Amino acid sequence: MTEKVAEKKLTLTDEEWRARLTDEEYNVCRQKGTEPAFSGRYWDTKTAGTYVCAGCGQDLFSSTTKFDSKSGWPSFTQAIDEGRVQNESDVSYGMTRTEVLCSRCDSHLGHVFPDGPAPTGQRYCMNSASLKLKPGE
C-alpha cells in the first residue's frame, strides 16, 4: 500500500467548489449528502486501482481493501493510511455515527462503522460521488 503523508490543505470558496464538482459531487462532498444505496458508480466495481477524493484527488483507499458489504455503497476495511482521512462525530438524523472526511479538503466521504471484516473490523462505507477511481495498482 502507498504510505504517503497527507497533502497540503486545500481551501476553496463555495463558488470554486461549485465550478470544480458536479452537482451530485457537490451535494455529497460539500453538503454532506448521501447518494441512494445501489445507485453510485462504484458500489459493485471490482476494478483494481486507487480511489481518490473527488474534491482534491488525494489518494484515499486501495481496491485491495474493498469488499462487498451488501450495503449498496463502496466499502473498504481501511484507508491507505490514517493521515488521509479524518473522523468526526455525526449526530444527524437522530443517530450517532462517525463521519469520514478527506484530510486534505474536508470533503464528506461517508461513515465508518465497527462491523467490517478482518483484519480491521471496520467498514468504511463511502459515497461513490465522493470518490474517483484511478485504475491499475
Foldseek 3Di string as FASTA:
>chain_A
DDDDAADAADEDDPVVQPVQADPVLCCCFVVVDADDALPAPPLPDQFFFFKAFSRPRHTWAGSVQWDNPVRRFTKGLGTPDPNQWDWDWDCPPNDTFIWIAGNRYRTTFGTKDQCDDPDRSIIPGGHNSRIDGDGDD
